[in-house]
């Protein structure tokens, strides 16, 4: 049986070449559909003009195909709705340094 958690684990090994955060935590994965041994991924990119669209989609496909019991993977790319930074997960924001802790904030405010 294919578990969504296993797919997400693989998606966390796929990266946007311009941002050092995986596609899952960037919020680029819109939907994961599992039907028996077939997987369908609906995703987006940070910008519609990305020249790496085919390469990124192929990377997702190749990595998901490595999951035991997966027979077929379809990756569709959409730009509706358009991606925005608000879609980044909390884990992704932490990796990018966007979530300063309360203690860290107080340290910055009281640095003198």
PDB file of N, CA and C in Angstrom:
ATOM      1  N   UNK A   1       0.842  -1.192   0.000  1.00  0.00           N
ATOM      2  CA  UNK A   1       0.000   0.000   0.000  1.00  0.00           C
ATOM      3  C   UNK A   1       0.886   1.254   0.000  1.00  0.00           C
ATOM      4  N   UNK A   2       0.554   2.175  -0.834  1.00  0.00           N
ATOM      5  CA  UNK A   2       1.314   3.425  -0.945  1.00  0.00           C
ATOM      6  C   UNK A   2       0.716   4.447   0.015  1.00  0.00           C
ATOM      7  N   UNK A   3       1.566   5.010   0.838  1.00  0.00           N
ATOM      8  CA  UNK A   3       1.107   5.989   1.823  1.00  0.00           C
ATOM      9  C   UNK A   3       1.483   7.408   1.380  1.00  0.00           C
ATOM     10  N   UNK A   4       0.600   8.340   1.667  1.00  0.00           N
ATOM     11  CA  UNK A   4       0.850   9.740   1.328  1.00  0.00           C
ATOM     12  C   UNK A   4       2.133  10.232   2.001  1.00  0.00           C
ATOM     13  N   UNK A   5       2.398   9.765   3.209  1.00  0.00           N
ATOM     14  CA  UNK A   5       3.610  10.168   3.937  1.00  0.00           C
ATOM     15  C   UNK A   5       4.875   9.787   3.178  1.00  0.00           C
ATOM     16  N   UNK A   6       4.851   8.630   2.504  1.00  0.00           N
ATOM     17  CA  UNK A   6       6.008   8.191   1.727  1.00  0.00           C
ATOM     18  C   UNK A   6       6.221   9.083   0.507  1.00  0.00           C
ATOM     19  N   UNK A   7       5.128   9.513  -0.087  1.00  0.00           N
ATOM     20  CA  UNK A   7       5.220  10.420  -1.235  1.00  0.00           C
ATOM     21  C   UNK A   7       5.773  11.763  -0.782  1.00  0.00           C
ATOM     22  N   UNK A   8       5.272  12.281   0.329  1.00  0.00           N
ATOM     23  CA  UNK A   8       5.757  13.562   0.852  1.00  0.00           C
ATOM     24  C   UNK A   8       7.239  13.472   1.183  1.00  0.00           C
ATOM     25  N   UNK A   9       7.655  12.358   1.748  1.00  0.00           N
ATOM     26  CA  UNK A   9       9.080  12.164   2.070  1.00  0.00           C
ATOM     27  C   UNK A   9       9.928  12.289   0.808  1.00  0.00           C
ATOM     28  N   UNK A  10       9.483  11.694  -0.288  1.00  0.00           N
ATOM     29  CA  UNK A  10      10.210  11.805  -1.560  1.00  0.00           C
ATOM     30  C   UNK A  10      10.152  13.233  -2.101  1.00  0.00           C
ATOM     31  N   UNK A  11       8.998  13.878  -1.968  1.00  0.00           N
ATOM     32  CA  UNK A  11       8.876  15.260  -2.458  1.00  0.00           C
ATOM     33  C   UNK A  11       9.823  16.200  -1.716  1.00  0.00           C
ATOM     34  N   UNK A  12      10.129  15.868  -0.477  1.00  0.00           N
ATOM     35  CA  UNK A  12      11.054  16.687   0.304  1.00  0.00           C
ATOM     36  C   UNK A  12      12.497  16.522  -0.157  1.00  0.00           C
ATOM     37  N   UNK A  13      12.734  15.657  -1.161  1.00  0.00           N
ATOM     38  CA  UNK A  13      14.071  15.520  -1.751  1.00  0.00           C
ATOM     39  C   UNK A  13      14.152  16.224  -3.100  1.00  0.00           C
ATOM     40  N   UNK A  14      13.056  16.867  -3.510  1.00  0.00           N
ATOM     41  CA  UNK A  14      13.004  17.608  -4.776  1.00  0.00           C
ATOM     42  C   UNK A  14      13.108  19.101  -4.462  1.00  0.00           C
ATOM     43  N   UNK A  15      14.014  19.773  -5.140  1.00  0.00           N
ATOM     44  CA  UNK A  15      14.288  21.172  -4.819  1.00  0.00           C
ATOM     45  C   UNK A  15      14.072  22.094  -6.005  1.00  0.00           C
ATOM     46  N   UNK A  16      13.648  23.295  -5.687  1.00  0.00           N
ATOM     47  CA  UNK A  16      13.643  24.378  -6.662  1.00  0.00           C
ATOM     48  C   UNK A  16      15.115  24.775  -6.819  1.00  0.00           C
ATOM     49  N   UNK A  17      15.635  24.852  -8.042  1.00  0.00           N
ATOM     50  CA  UNK A  17      17.064  25.142  -8.215  1.00  0.00           C
ATOM     51  C   UNK A  17      17.489  26.542  -7.754  1.00  0.00           C
ATOM     52  N   UNK A  18      16.539  27.445  -7.566  1.00  0.00           N
ATOM     53  CA  UNK A  18      16.891  28.809  -7.170  1.00  0.00           C
ATOM     54  C   UNK A  18      16.692  29.090  -5.687  1.00  0.00           C
ATOM     55  N   UNK A  19      15.965  28.192  -4.997  1.00  0.00           N
ATOM     56  CA  UNK A  19      15.659  28.405  -3.581  1.00  0.00           C
ATOM     57  C   UNK A  19      16.057  27.133  -2.833  1.00  0.00           C
ATOM     58  N   UNK A  20      16.842  27.239  -1.777  1.00  0.00           N
ATOM     59  CA  UNK A  20      17.337  26.035  -1.107  1.00  0.00           C
ATOM     60  C   UNK A  20      16.315  25.358  -0.182  1.00  0.00           C
ATOM     61  N   UNK A  21      15.080  25.273  -0.629  1.00  0.00           N
ATOM     62  CA  UNK A  21      14.010  24.633   0.131  1.00  0.00           C
ATOM     63  C   UNK A  21      13.311  23.645  -0.803  1.00  0.00           C
ATOM     64  N   UNK A  22      12.907  22.510  -0.252  1.00  0.00           N
ATOM     65  CA  UNK A  22      12.256  21.494  -1.072  1.00  0.00           C
ATOM     66  C   UNK A  22      10.872  21.953  -1.547  1.00  0.00           C
ATOM     67  N   UNK A  23      10.386  21.299  -2.586  1.00  0.00           N
ATOM     68  CA  UNK A  23       9.113  21.681  -3.209  1.00  0.00           C
ATOM     69  C   UNK A  23       7.938  21.579  -2.247  1.00  0.00           C
ATOM     70  N   UNK A  24       7.949  20.559  -1.384  1.00  0.00           N
ATOM     71  CA  UNK A  24       6.851  20.392  -0.425  1.00  0.00           C
ATOM     72  C   UNK A  24       6.783  21.589   0.514  1.00  0.00           C
ATOM     73  N   UNK A  25       7.909  21.944   1.113  1.00  0.00           N
ATOM     74  CA  UNK A  25       7.916  23.036   2.091  1.00  0.00           C
ATOM     75  C   UNK A  25       7.798  24.411   1.456  1.00  0.00           C
ATOM     76  N   UNK A  26       8.068  24.505   0.166  1.00  0.00           N
ATOM     77  CA  UNK A  26       7.805  25.771  -0.531  1.00  0.00           C
ATOM     78  C   UNK A  26       6.315  25.948  -0.809  1.00  0.00           C
ATOM     79  N   UNK A  27       5.553  24.906  -0.617  1.00  0.00           N
ATOM     80  CA  UNK A  27       4.110  24.984  -0.880  1.00  0.00           C
ATOM     81  C   UNK A  27       3.782  24.836  -2.356  1.00  0.00           C
ATOM     82  N   UNK A  28       4.652  24.188  -3.098  1.00  0.00           N
ATOM     83  CA  UNK A  28       4.453  24.045  -4.539  1.00  0.00           C
ATOM     84  C   UNK A  28       3.619  22.822  -4.919  1.00  0.00           C
ATOM     85  N   UNK A  29       3.354  21.947  -3.958  1.00  0.00           N
ATOM     86  CA  UNK A  29       2.554  20.757  -4.229  1.00  0.00           C
ATOM     87  C   UNK A  29       1.117  21.046  -3.829  1.00  0.00           C
ATOM     88  N   UNK A  30       0.230  21.069  -4.800  1.00  0.00           N
ATOM     89  CA  UNK A  30      -1.174  21.383  -4.549  1.00  0.00           C
ATOM     90  C   UNK A  30      -2.013  20.159  -4.209  1.00  0.00           C
ATOM     91  N   UNK A  31      -1.683  19.013  -4.814  1.00  0.00           N
ATOM     92  CA  UNK A  31      -2.508  17.832  -4.572  1.00  0.00           C
ATOM     93  C   UNK A  31      -1.711  16.568  -4.852  1.00  0.00           C
ATOM     94  N   UNK A  32      -1.994  15.541  -4.036  1.00  0.00           N
ATOM     95  CA  UNK A  32      -1.441  14.208  -4.235  1.00  0.00           C
ATOM     96  C   UNK A  32      -2.629  13.258  -4.291  1.00  0.00           C
ATOM     97  N   UNK A  33      -2.763  12.589  -5.409  1.00  0.00           N
ATOM     98  CA  UNK A  33      -3.864  11.639  -5.586  1.00  0.00           C
ATOM     99  C   UNK A  33      -3.278  10.236  -5.722  1.00  0.00           C
ATOM    100  N   UNK A  34      -3.757   9.328  -4.886  1.00  0.00           N
ATOM    101  CA  UNK A  34      -3.289   7.945  -4.914  1.00  0.00           C
ATOM    102  C   UNK A  34      -4.473   7.062  -5.303  1.00  0.00           C
ATOM    103  N   UNK A  35      -4.324   6.363  -6.415  1.00  0.00           N
ATOM    104  CA  UNK A  35      -5.342   5.403  -6.859  1.00  0.00           C
ATOM    105  C   UNK A  35      -4.616   4.092  -7.124  1.00  0.00           C
ATOM    106  N   UNK A  36      -4.760   3.174  -6.160  1.00  0.00           N
ATOM    107  CA  UNK A  36      -4.063   1.887  -6.205  1.00  0.00           C
ATOM    108  C   UNK A  36      -2.561   2.140  -6.318  1.00  0.00           C
ATOM    109  N   UNK A  37      -1.945   1.786  -7.425  1.00  0.00           N
ATOM    110  CA  UNK A  37      -0.497   1.974  -7.566  1.00  0.00           C
ATOM    111  C   UNK A  37      -0.151   3.142  -8.487  1.00  0.00           C
ATOM    112  N   UNK A  38      -1.141   3.979  -8.780  1.00  0.00           N
ATOM    113  CA  UNK A  38      -0.932   5.136  -9.642  1.00  0.00           C
ATOM    114  C   UNK A  38      -0.996   6.418  -8.823  1.00  0.00           C
ATOM    115  N   UNK A  39      -0.055   7.299  -9.087  1.00  0.00           N
ATOM    116  CA  UNK A  39       0.064   8.550  -8.344  1.00  0.00           C
ATOM    117  C   UNK A  39      -0.082   9.716  -9.304  1.00  0.00           C
ATOM    118  N   UNK A  40      -0.860  10.686  -8.889  1.00  0.00           N
ATOM    119  CA  UNK A  40      -1.005  11.913  -9.678  1.00  0.00           C
ATOM    120  C   UNK A  40      -0.654  13.089  -8.764  1.00  0.00           C
ATOM    121  N   UNK A  41       0.291  13.889  -9.217  1.00  0.00           N
ATOM    122  CA  UNK A  41       0.746  15.059  -8.466  1.00  0.00           C
ATOM    123  C   UNK A  41       0.340  16.310  -9.233  1.00  0.00           C
ATOM    124  N   UNK A  42      -0.300  17.238  -8.538  1.00  0.00           N
ATOM    125  CA  UNK A  42      -0.595  18.549  -9.109  1.00  0.00           C
ATOM    126  C   UNK A  42       0.288  19.543  -8.377  1.00  0.00           C
ATOM    127  N   UNK A  43       1.081  20.250  -9.127  1.00  0.00           N
ATOM    128  CA  UNK A  43       2.033  21.175  -8.520  1.00  0.00           C
ATOM    129  C   UNK A  43       2.128  22.466  -9.314  1.00  0.00           C
ATOM    130  N   UNK A  44       2.840  23.399  -8.745  1.00  0.00           N
ATOM    131  CA  UNK A  44       3.096  24.664  -9.415  1.00  0.00           C
ATOM    132  C   UNK A  44       4.569  24.991  -9.260  1.00  0.00           C
ATOM    133  N   UNK A  45       4.956  26.117  -9.778  1.00  0.00           N
ATOM    134  CA  UNK A  45       6.312  26.634  -9.613  1.00  0.00           C
ATOM    135  C   UNK A  45       6.207  28.062  -9.094  1.00  0.00           C
ATOM    136  N   UNK A  46       7.306  28.593  -8.625  1.00  0.00           N
ATOM    137  CA  UNK A  46       7.259  29.932  -8.044  1.00  0.00           C
ATOM    138  C   UNK A  46       6.964  31.008  -9.068  1.00  0.00           C
ATOM    139  N   UNK A  47       7.239  30.720 -10.337  1.00  0.00           N
ATOM    140  CA  UNK A  47       6.959  31.692 -11.390  1.00  0.00           C
ATOM    141  C   UNK A  47       6.593  30.966 -12.691  1.00  0.00           C
ATOM    142  N   UNK A  48       5.592  31.460 -13.412  1.00  0.00           N
ATOM    143  CA  UNK A  48       5.188  30.806 -14.668  1.00  0.00           C
ATOM    144  C   UNK A  48       6.290  30.796 -15.725  1.00  0.00           C
ATOM    145  N   UNK A  49       7.218  31.715 -15.659  1.00  0.00           N
ATOM    146  CA  UNK A  49       8.273  31.798 -16.663  1.00  0.00           C
ATOM    147  C   UNK A  49       9.483  30.939 -16.362  1.00  0.00           C
ATOM    148  N   UNK A  50       9.383  30.054 -15.387  1.00  0.00           N
ATOM    149  CA  UNK A  50      10.523  29.220 -14.992  1.00  0.00           C
ATOM    150  C   UNK A  50      10.950  28.315 -16.143  1.00  0.00           C
ATOM    151  N   UNK A  51      12.204  28.418 -16.524  1.00  0.00           N
ATOM    152  CA  UNK A  51      12.717  27.609 -17.633  1.00  0.00           C
ATOM    153  C   UNK A  51      13.005  26.172 -17.208  1.00  0.00           C
ATOM    154  N   UNK A  52      12.924  25.889 -15.910  1.00  0.00           N
ATOM    155  CA  UNK A  52      13.227  24.558 -15.379  1.00  0.00           C
ATOM    156  C   UNK A  52      11.971  23.695 -15.199  1.00  0.00           C
ATOM    157  N   UNK A  53      10.856  24.131 -15.742  1.00  0.00           N
ATOM    158  CA  UNK A  53       9.575  23.459 -15.517  1.00  0.00           C
ATOM    159  C   UNK A  53       9.643  21.961 -15.819  1.00  0.00           C
ATOM    160  N   UNK A  54      10.166  21.587 -16.967  1.00  0.00           N
ATOM    161  CA  UNK A  54      10.215  20.170 -17.344  1.00  0.00           C
ATOM    162  C   UNK A  54      11.185  19.393 -16.465  1.00  0.00           C
ATOM    163  N   UNK A  55      12.302  19.997 -16.156  1.00  0.00           N
ATOM    164  CA  UNK A  55      13.311  19.348 -15.323  1.00  0.00           C
ATOM    165  C   UNK A  55      12.791  19.087 -13.909  1.00  0.00           C
ATOM    166  N   UNK A  56      12.106  20.065 -13.324  1.00  0.00           N
ATOM    167  CA  UNK A  56      11.568  19.925 -11.967  1.00  0.00           C
ATOM    168  C   UNK A  56      10.462  18.871 -11.950  1.00  0.00           C
ATOM    169  N   UNK A  57       9.562  18.914 -12.907  1.00  0.00           N
ATOM    170  CA  UNK A  57       8.476  17.930 -12.981  1.00  0.00           C
ATOM    171  C   UNK A  57       9.036  16.522 -13.194  1.00  0.00           C
ATOM    172  N   UNK A  58      10.067  16.393 -14.002  1.00  0.00           N
ATOM    173  CA  UNK A  58      10.680  15.085 -14.243  1.00  0.00           C
ATOM    174  C   UNK A  58      11.375  14.572 -12.988  1.00  0.00           C
ATOM    175  N   UNK A  59      12.004  15.459 -12.232  1.00  0.00           N
ATOM    176  CA  UNK A  59      12.639  15.071 -10.975  1.00  0.00           C
ATOM    177  C   UNK A  59      11.602  14.515 -10.000  1.00  0.00           C
ATOM    178  N   UNK A  60      10.463  15.186  -9.894  1.00  0.00           N
ATOM    179  CA  UNK A  60       9.369  14.710  -9.037  1.00  0.00           C
ATOM    180  C   UNK A  60       8.929  13.321  -9.496  1.00  0.00           C
ATOM    181  N   UNK A  61       8.687  13.169 -10.785  1.00  0.00           N
ATOM    182  CA  UNK A  61       8.236  11.888 -11.349  1.00  0.00           C
ATOM    183  C   UNK A  61       9.252  10.786 -11.051  1.00  0.00           C
ATOM    184  N   UNK A  62      10.518  11.040 -11.324  1.00  0.00           N
ATOM    185  CA  UNK A  62      11.567  10.033 -11.125  1.00  0.00           C
ATOM    186  C   UNK A  62      11.653   9.582  -9.669  1.00  0.00           C
ATOM    187  N   UNK A  63      11.556  10.511  -8.751  1.00  0.00           N
ATOM    188  CA  UNK A  63      11.698  10.167  -7.336  1.00  0.00           C
ATOM    189  C   UNK A  63      10.471   9.432  -6.798  1.00  0.00           C
ATOM    190  N   UNK A  64       9.290   9.822  -7.234  1.00  0.00           N
ATOM    191  CA  UNK A  64       8.075   9.136  -6.790  1.00  0.00           C
ATOM    192  C   UNK A  64       8.051   7.706  -7.357  1.00  0.00           C
ATOM    193  N   UNK A  65       8.558   7.523  -8.577  1.00  0.00           N
ATOM    194  CA  UNK A  65       8.597   6.196  -9.192  1.00  0.00           C
ATOM    195  C   UNK A  65       9.472   5.222  -8.410  1.00  0.00           C
ATOM    196  N   UNK A  66      10.376   5.717  -7.582  1.00  0.00           N
ATOM    197  CA  UNK A  66      11.261   4.851  -6.802  1.00  0.00           C
ATOM    198  C   UNK A  66      10.575   4.242  -5.584  1.00  0.00           C
ATOM    199  N   UNK A  67       9.377   4.708  -5.266  1.00  0.00           N
ATOM    200  CA  UNK A  67       8.642   4.153  -4.131  1.00  0.00           C
ATOM    201  C   UNK A  67       8.135   2.764  -4.516  1.00  0.00           C
ATOM    202  N   UNK A  68       8.376   1.819  -3.623  1.00  0.00           N
ATOM    203  CA  UNK A  68       7.936   0.451  -3.864  1.00  0.00           C
ATOM    204  C   UNK A  68       6.425   0.431  -4.109  1.00  0.00           C
ATOM    205  N   UNK A  69       5.989  -0.338  -5.057  1.00  0.00           N
ATOM    206  CA  UNK A  69       4.581  -0.540  -5.435  1.00  0.00           C
ATOM    207  C   UNK A  69       4.030   0.529  -6.362  1.00  0.00           C
ATOM    208  N   UNK A  70       4.750   1.605  -6.616  1.00  0.00           N
ATOM    209  CA  UNK A  70       4.262   2.628  -7.547  1.00  0.00           C
ATOM    210  C   UNK A  70       4.482   2.144  -8.968  1.00  0.00           C
ATOM    211  N   UNK A  71       3.412   2.151  -9.757  1.00  0.00           N
ATOM    212  CA  UNK A  71       3.505   1.723 -11.155  1.00  0.00           C
ATOM    213  C   UNK A  71       3.569   2.897 -12.116  1.00  0.00           C
ATOM    214  N   UNK A  72       2.757   3.916 -11.843  1.00  0.00           N
ATOM    215  CA  UNK A  72       2.684   5.052 -12.772  1.00  0.00           C
ATOM    216  C   UNK A  72       2.594   6.357 -11.997  1.00  0.00           C
ATOM    217  N   UNK A  73       3.314   7.356 -12.494  1.00  0.00           N
ATOM    218  CA  UNK A  73       3.287   8.684 -11.877  1.00  0.00           C
ATOM    219  C   UNK A  73       2.982   9.707 -12.956  1.00  0.00           C
ATOM    220  N   UNK A  74       2.014  10.543 -12.668  1.00  0.00           N
ATOM    221  CA  UNK A  74       1.676  11.648 -13.563  1.00  0.00           C
ATOM    222  C   UNK A  74       1.895  12.933 -12.783  1.00  0.00           C
ATOM    223  N   UNK A  75       2.651  13.859 -13.359  1.00  0.00           N
ATOM    224  CA  UNK A  75       2.911  15.157 -12.727  1.00  0.00           C
ATOM    225  C   UNK A  75       2.341  16.236 -13.636  1.00  0.00           C
ATOM    226  N   UNK A  76       1.392  16.977 -13.102  1.00  0.00           N
ATOM    227  CA  UNK A  76       0.805  18.091 -13.841  1.00  0.00           C
ATOM    228  C   UNK A  76       1.203  19.387 -13.162  1.00  0.00           C
ATOM    229  N   UNK A  77       1.563  20.370 -13.976  1.00  0.00           N
ATOM    230  CA  UNK A  77       1.950  21.681 -13.465  1.00  0.00           C
ATOM    231  C   UNK A  77       0.861  22.683 -13.821  1.00  0.00           C
ATOM    232  N   UNK A  78       0.449  23.459 -12.829  1.00  0.00           N
ATOM    233  CA  UNK A  78      -0.567  24.482 -13.034  1.00  0.00           C
ATOM    234  C   UNK A  78      -0.072  25.801 -12.440  1.00  0.00           C
ATOM    235  N   UNK A  79      -0.660  26.875 -12.878  1.00  0.00           N
ATOM    236  CA  UNK A  79      -0.346  28.183 -12.292  1.00  0.00           C
ATOM    237  C   UNK A  79      -1.619  28.844 -11.765  1.00  0.00           C
ATOM    238  N   UNK A  80      -2.615  27.994 -11.499  1.00  0.00           N
ATOM    239  CA  UNK A  80      -3.884  28.475 -10.970  1.00  0.00           C
ATOM    240  C   UNK A  80      -4.250  27.647  -9.752  1.00  0.00           C
ATOM    241  N   UNK A  81      -4.159  28.165  -8.574  1.00  0.00           N
ATOM    242  CA  UNK A  81      -3.828  29.556  -8.268  1.00  0.00           C
ATOM    243  C   UNK A  81      -2.326  29.786  -8.354  1.00  0.00           C
ATOM    244  N   UNK A  82      -1.946  31.027  -8.577  1.00  0.00           N
ATOM    245  CA  UNK A  82      -0.519  31.339  -8.620  1.00  0.00           C
ATOM    246  C   UNK A  82       0.107  31.152  -7.234  1.00  0.00           C
ATOM    247  N   UNK A  83       1.356  30.708  -7.232  1.00  0.00           N
ATOM    248  CA  UNK A  83       2.079  30.522  -5.983  1.00  0.00           C
ATOM    249  C   UNK A  83       2.381  31.876  -5.345  1.00  0.00           C
ATOM    250  N   UNK A  84       2.387  31.907  -4.015  1.00  0.00           N
ATOM    251  CA  UNK A  84       2.806  33.100  -3.288  1.00  0.00           C
ATOM    252  C   UNK A  84       3.572  32.646  -2.048  1.00  0.00           C
ATOM    253  N   UNK A  85       4.423  33.477  -1.487  1.00  0.00           N
ATOM    254  CA  UNK A  85       5.223  33.092  -0.319  1.00  0.00           C
ATOM    255  C   UNK A  85       4.396  32.639   0.881  1.00  0.00           C
ATOM    256  N   UNK A  86       3.144  33.041   0.963  1.00  0.00           N
ATOM    257  CA  UNK A  86       2.297  32.615   2.071  1.00  0.00           C
ATOM    258  C   UNK A  86       2.057  31.107   2.044  1.00  0.00           C
ATOM    259  N   UNK A  87       2.314  30.462   0.910  1.00  0.00           N
ATOM    260  CA  UNK A  87       2.100  29.024   0.777  1.00  0.00           C
ATOM    261  C   UNK A  87       3.236  28.200   1.383  1.00  0.00           C
ATOM    262  N   UNK A  88       4.329  28.833   1.739  1.00  0.00           N
ATOM    263  CA  UNK A  88       5.461  28.128   2.340  1.00  0.00           C
ATOM    264  C   UNK A  88       5.026  27.576   3.701  1.00  0.00           C
ATOM    265  N   UNK A  89       5.387  26.322   3.972  1.00  0.00           N
ATOM    266  CA  UNK A  89       5.040  25.703   5.246  1.00  0.00           C
ATOM    267  C   UNK A  89       5.833  26.359   6.382  1.00  0.00           C
ATOM    268  N   UNK A  90       5.412  26.103   7.607  1.00  0.00           N
ATOM    269  CA  UNK A  90       6.152  26.623   8.764  1.00  0.00           C
ATOM    270  C   UNK A  90       7.578  26.088   8.766  1.00  0.00           C
ATOM    271  N   UNK A  91       7.748  24.808   8.407  1.00  0.00           N
ATOM    272  CA  UNK A  91       9.090  24.223   8.336  1.00  0.00           C
ATOM    273  C   UNK A  91       9.932  24.971   7.309  1.00  0.00           C
ATOM    274  N   UNK A  92       9.337  25.271   6.157  1.00  0.00           N
ATOM    275  CA  UNK A  92      10.054  26.023   5.127  1.00  0.00           C
ATOM    276  C   UNK A  92      10.422  27.423   5.588  1.00  0.00           C
ATOM    277  N   UNK A  93       9.493  28.082   6.269  1.00  0.00           N
ATOM    278  CA  UNK A  93       9.771  29.420   6.793  1.00  0.00           C
ATOM    279  C   UNK A  93      10.908  29.378   7.802  1.00  0.00           C
ATOM    280  N   UNK A  94      10.925  28.343   8.639  1.00  0.00           N
ATOM    281  CA  UNK A  94      12.012  28.205   9.605  1.00  0.00           C
ATOM    282  C   UNK A  94      13.345  28.017   8.897  1.00  0.00           C
ATOM    283  N   UNK A  95      13.360  27.195   7.849  1.00  0.00           N
ATOM    284  CA  UNK A  95      14.588  26.955   7.091  1.00  0.00           C
ATOM    285  C   UNK A  95      15.095  28.236   6.437  1.00  0.00           C
ATOM    286  N   UNK A  96      14.164  29.095   6.043  1.00  0.00           N
ATOM    287  CA  UNK A  96      14.537  30.365   5.420  1.00  0.00           C
ATOM    288  C   UNK A  96      14.811  31.456   6.443  1.00  0.00           C
ATOM    289  N   UNK A  97      14.569  31.165   7.725  1.00  0.00           N
ATOM    290  CA  UNK A  97      14.831  32.138   8.776  1.00  0.00           C
ATOM    291  C   UNK A  97      13.730  33.158   8.966  1.00  0.00           C
ATOM    292  N   UNK A  98      12.505  32.850   8.494  1.00  0.00           N
ATOM    293  CA  UNK A  98      11.397  33.792   8.620  1.00  0.00           C
ATOM    294  C   UNK A  98      10.712  33.755   9.973  1.00  0.00           C
ATOM    295  N   UNK A  99      10.877  32.687  10.725  1.00  0.00           N
ATOM    296  CA  UNK A  99      10.194  32.553  12.006  1.00  0.00           C
ATOM    297  C   UNK A  99      11.178  32.741  13.153  1.00  0.00           C
ATOM    298  N   UNK A 100      11.495  33.956  13.459  1.00  0.00           N
ATOM    299  CA  UNK A 100      12.377  34.205  14.593  1.00  0.00           C
ATOM    300  C   UNK A 100      11.611  33.892  15.864  1.00  0.00           C
ATOM    301  N   UNK A 101      12.268  33.204  16.788  1.00  0.00           N
ATOM    302  CA  UNK A 101      11.603  32.877  18.043  1.00  0.00           C
ATOM    303  C   UNK A 101      11.385  34.134  18.865  1.00  0.00           C
ATOM    304  N   UNK A 102      10.483  34.050  19.832  1.00  0.00           N
ATOM    305  CA  UNK A 102      10.192  35.188  20.695  1.00  0.00           C
ATOM    306  C   UNK A 102      11.459  35.619  21.424  1.00  0.00           C
ATOM    307  N   UNK A 103      12.220  34.643  21.945  1.00  0.00           N
ATOM    308  CA  UNK A 103      13.454  34.967  22.661  1.00  0.00           C
ATOM    309  C   UNK A 103      14.449  35.655  21.744  1.00  0.00           C
ATOM    310  N   UNK A 104      14.561  35.163  20.511  1.00  0.00           N
ATOM    311  CA  UNK A 104      15.471  35.754  19.544  1.00  0.00           C
ATOM    312  C   UNK A 104      15.030  37.176  19.215  1.00  0.00           C
ATOM    313  N   UNK A 105      13.728  37.403  19.096  1.00  0.00           N
ATOM    314  CA  UNK A 105      13.197  38.735  18.808  1.00  0.00           C
ATOM    315  C   UNK A 105      13.538  39.691  19.949  1.00  0.00           C
ATOM    316  N   UNK A 106      13.363  39.198  21.193  1.00  0.00           N
ATOM    317  CA  UNK A 106      13.679  40.036  22.343  1.00  0.00           C
ATOM    318  C   UNK A 106      15.158  40.371  22.392  1.00  0.00           C
ATOM    319  N   UNK A 107      16.007  39.390  22.038  1.00  0.00           N
ATOM    320  CA  UNK A 107      17.444  39.636  21.997  1.00  0.00           C
ATOM    321  C   UNK A 107      17.773  40.717  20.984  1.00  0.00           C
ATOM    322  N   UNK A 108      17.140  40.680  19.822  1.00  0.00           N
ATOM    323  CA  UNK A 108      17.402  41.668  18.789  1.00  0.00           C
ATOM    324  C   UNK A 108      16.935  43.053  19.231  1.00  0.00           C
ATOM    325  N   UNK A 109      15.794  43.090  19.926  1.00  0.00           N
ATOM    326  CA  UNK A 109      15.273  44.380  20.378  1.00  0.00           C
ATOM    327  C   UNK A 109      16.115  44.954  21.531  1.00  0.00           C
ATOM    328  N   UNK A 110      16.714  44.096  22.332  1.00  0.00           N
ATOM    329  CA  UNK A 110      17.491  44.522  23.503  1.00  0.00           C
ATOM    330  C   UNK A 110      18.986  44.278  23.287  1.00  0.00           C
ATOM    331  N   UNK A 111      19.484  44.533  22.136  1.00  0.00           N
ATOM    332  CA  UNK A 111      20.867  44.209  21.815  1.00  0.00           C
ATOM    333  C   UNK A 111      21.878  45.129  22.485  1.00  0.00           C
ATOM    334  N   UNK A 112      21.449  46.269  22.990  1.00  0.00           N
ATOM    335  CA  UNK A 112      22.401  47.220  23.584  1.00  0.00           C
ATOM    336  C   UNK A 112      22.884  46.789  24.928  1.00  0.00           C
TER     337      UNK A 112
END
